[in-house]
Amino acid sequence: MGLTSRKTVMDLIYYSDLDFKKVSKQFEKVAGQLSRSDFSSADVKKMPGTVYYRARLDRDNRLLFRFARHKDRMCLLLLEVIYNHEYDK
């Protein structure tokens, strides 16, 4: 009997003001990886001392998100694109 791996499908909830037009191709790729719980490919890292995580869109830009429950399911809240590593904005 062989073993198979199964990826968890994660619901994504987009913040209403989330603007990713400048990096739409990279955003769609990373959103797909996150929805499949493929955090390694999305280069996800937890932001120290917070409940937030970031995924790498490209060399300079990151996607800020957090885990949450919605209708008794675990989901990801996609919050903001951080351009040029400007985390303090």
C-alpha atoms as a PDB file:
ATOM      1  CA  MET A   1       0.000   0.000   0.000  1.00  0.00           C
ATOM      2  CA  GLY A   2       1.479   3.373  -1.039  1.00  0.00           C
ATOM      3  CA  LEU A   3       1.311   6.591   0.892  1.00  0.00           C
ATOM      4  CA  THR A   4       0.015   9.794  -0.605  1.00  0.00           C
ATOM      5  CA  SER A   5       0.447  13.307   0.675  1.00  0.00           C
ATOM      6  CA  ARG A   6      -2.532  15.595   0.843  1.00  0.00           C
ATOM      7  CA  LYS A   7      -2.258  19.348   0.983  1.00  0.00           C
ATOM      8  CA  THR A   8      -4.785  21.269   3.035  1.00  0.00           C
ATOM      9  CA  VAL A   9      -6.797  23.754   1.017  1.00  0.00           C
ATOM     10  CA  MET A  10      -6.908  27.083   2.804  1.00  0.00           C
ATOM     11  CA  ASP A  11      -9.610  29.707   2.264  1.00  0.00           C
ATOM     12  CA  LEU A  12      -8.197  33.128   1.425  1.00  0.00           C
ATOM     13  CA  ILE A  13      -9.964  36.303   2.511  1.00  0.00           C
ATOM     14  CA  TYR A  14      -8.753  39.518   0.895  1.00  0.00           C
ATOM     15  CA  TYR A  15      -8.768  42.798   2.842  1.00  0.00           C
ATOM     16  CA  SER A  16     -11.078  45.195   0.978  1.00  0.00           C
ATOM     17  CA  ASP A  17      -8.302  47.764   0.392  1.00  0.00           C
ATOM     18  CA  LEU A  18      -5.693  45.205  -0.685  1.00  0.00           C
ATOM     19  CA  ASP A  19      -3.982  46.607  -3.778  1.00  0.00           C
ATOM     20  CA  PHE A  20      -1.690  44.223  -5.641  1.00  0.00           C
ATOM     21  CA  LYS A  21      -1.905  45.670  -9.166  1.00  0.00           C
ATOM     22  CA  LYS A  22       1.837  46.401  -9.351  1.00  0.00           C
ATOM     23  CA  VAL A  23       2.700  42.770  -8.558  1.00  0.00           C
ATOM     24  CA  SER A  24      -0.416  40.946  -9.786  1.00  0.00           C
ATOM     25  CA  LYS A  25       1.441  38.067 -11.470  1.00  0.00           C
ATOM     26  CA  GLN A  26       3.571  37.353  -8.401  1.00  0.00           C
ATOM     27  CA  PHE A  27       0.569  37.857  -6.097  1.00  0.00           C
ATOM     28  CA  GLU A  28      -1.549  35.285  -7.943  1.00  0.00           C
ATOM     29  CA  LYS A  29       1.284  32.756  -7.821  1.00  0.00           C
ATOM     30  CA  VAL A  30       1.860  33.217  -4.075  1.00  0.00           C
ATOM     31  CA  ALA A  31      -1.894  33.261  -3.311  1.00  0.00           C
ATOM     32  CA  GLY A  32      -2.153  29.878  -5.039  1.00  0.00           C
ATOM     33  CA  GLN A  33       0.727  28.523  -2.985  1.00  0.00           C
ATOM     34  CA  LEU A  34      -0.832  29.816   0.236  1.00  0.00           C
ATOM     35  CA  SER A  35      -4.244  28.374  -0.631  1.00  0.00           C
ATOM     36  CA  ARG A  36      -2.564  24.961  -0.989  1.00  0.00           C
ATOM     37  CA  SER A  37      -0.730  25.482   2.327  1.00  0.00           C
ATOM     38  CA  ASP A  38       2.558  25.410   0.408  1.00  0.00           C
ATOM     39  CA  PHE A  39       4.281  27.804   2.803  1.00  0.00           C
ATOM     40  CA  SER A  40       7.745  26.665   1.811  1.00  0.00           C
ATOM     41  CA  SER A  41       7.330  27.689  -1.836  1.00  0.00           C
ATOM     42  CA  ALA A  42       5.800  31.010  -0.755  1.00  0.00           C
ATOM     43  CA  ASP A  43       8.851  31.600   1.488  1.00  0.00           C
ATOM     44  CA  VAL A  44       6.647  32.350   4.503  1.00  0.00           C
ATOM     45  CA  LYS A  45       8.201  33.768   7.657  1.00  0.00           C
ATOM     46  CA  LYS A  46       6.572  34.822  10.916  1.00  0.00           C
ATOM     47  CA  MET A  47       7.140  38.423  11.865  1.00  0.00           C
ATOM     48  CA  PRO A  48       8.700  38.393  15.347  1.00  0.00           C
ATOM     49  CA  GLY A  49       6.530  39.540  18.241  1.00  0.00           C
ATOM     50  CA  THR A  50       3.335  39.696  16.151  1.00  0.00           C
ATOM     51  CA  VAL A  51       0.524  37.483  14.842  1.00  0.00           C
ATOM     52  CA  TYR A  52       1.526  38.382  11.276  1.00  0.00           C
ATOM     53  CA  TYR A  53       3.354  36.461   8.586  1.00  0.00           C
ATOM     54  CA  ARG A  54       4.867  37.546   5.323  1.00  0.00           C
ATOM     55  CA  ALA A  55       5.220  35.710   2.041  1.00  0.00           C
ATOM     56  CA  ARG A  56       7.816  36.631  -0.548  1.00  0.00           C
ATOM     57  CA  LEU A  57       6.367  38.000  -3.782  1.00  0.00           C
ATOM     58  CA  ASP A  58       9.729  38.850  -5.341  1.00  0.00           C
ATOM     59  CA  ARG A  59      13.113  40.211  -4.327  1.00  0.00           C
ATOM     60  CA  ASP A  60      11.727  43.477  -2.931  1.00  0.00           C
ATOM     61  CA  ASN A  61       8.037  42.938  -2.141  1.00  0.00           C
ATOM     62  CA  ARG A  62       6.162  40.921   0.467  1.00  0.00           C
ATOM     63  CA  LEU A  63       2.566  39.945   1.203  1.00  0.00           C
ATOM     64  CA  LEU A  64       1.418  40.479   4.794  1.00  0.00           C
ATOM     65  CA  PHE A  65      -1.161  38.019   6.135  1.00  0.00           C
ATOM     66  CA  ARG A  66      -2.408  36.269   9.266  1.00  0.00           C
ATOM     67  CA  PHE A  67      -4.276  33.120  10.197  1.00  0.00           C
ATOM     68  CA  ALA A  68      -7.890  33.428  11.380  1.00  0.00           C
ATOM     69  CA  ARG A  69     -11.087  31.439  11.806  1.00  0.00           C
ATOM     70  CA  HIS A  70     -14.084  32.178   9.610  1.00  0.00           C
ATOM     71  CA  LYS A  71     -17.258  30.084   9.743  1.00  0.00           C
ATOM     72  CA  ASP A  72     -15.460  27.404  11.778  1.00  0.00           C
ATOM     73  CA  ARG A  73     -12.695  27.045   9.181  1.00  0.00           C
ATOM     74  CA  MET A  74      -9.096  28.122   9.340  1.00  0.00           C
ATOM     75  CA  CYS A  75      -8.331  30.725   6.688  1.00  0.00           C
ATOM     76  CA  LEU A  76      -5.743  33.310   5.743  1.00  0.00           C
ATOM     77  CA  LEU A  77      -6.469  37.021   5.828  1.00  0.00           C
ATOM     78  CA  LEU A  78      -4.437  38.655   3.057  1.00  0.00           C
ATOM     79  CA  LEU A  79      -3.866  42.163   4.363  1.00  0.00           C
ATOM     80  CA  GLU A  80      -1.303  44.207   2.489  1.00  0.00           C
ATOM     81  CA  VAL A  81       1.452  44.184  -0.088  1.00  0.00           C
ATOM     82  CA  ILE A  82       4.608  45.613   1.464  1.00  0.00           C
ATOM     83  CA  TYR A  83       6.600  47.269  -1.305  1.00  0.00           C
ATOM     84  CA  ASN A  84      10.390  47.651  -1.078  1.00  0.00           C
ATOM     85  CA  HIS A  85      10.602  46.127   2.421  1.00  0.00           C
ATOM     86  CA  GLU A  86       8.878  49.200   3.923  1.00  0.00           C
ATOM     87  CA  TYR A  87       7.433  47.393   6.940  1.00  0.00           C
ATOM     88  CA  ASP A  88       7.158  50.565   9.037  1.00  0.00           C
ATOM     89  CA  LYS A  89       4.518  52.219   6.842  1.00  0.00           C
END
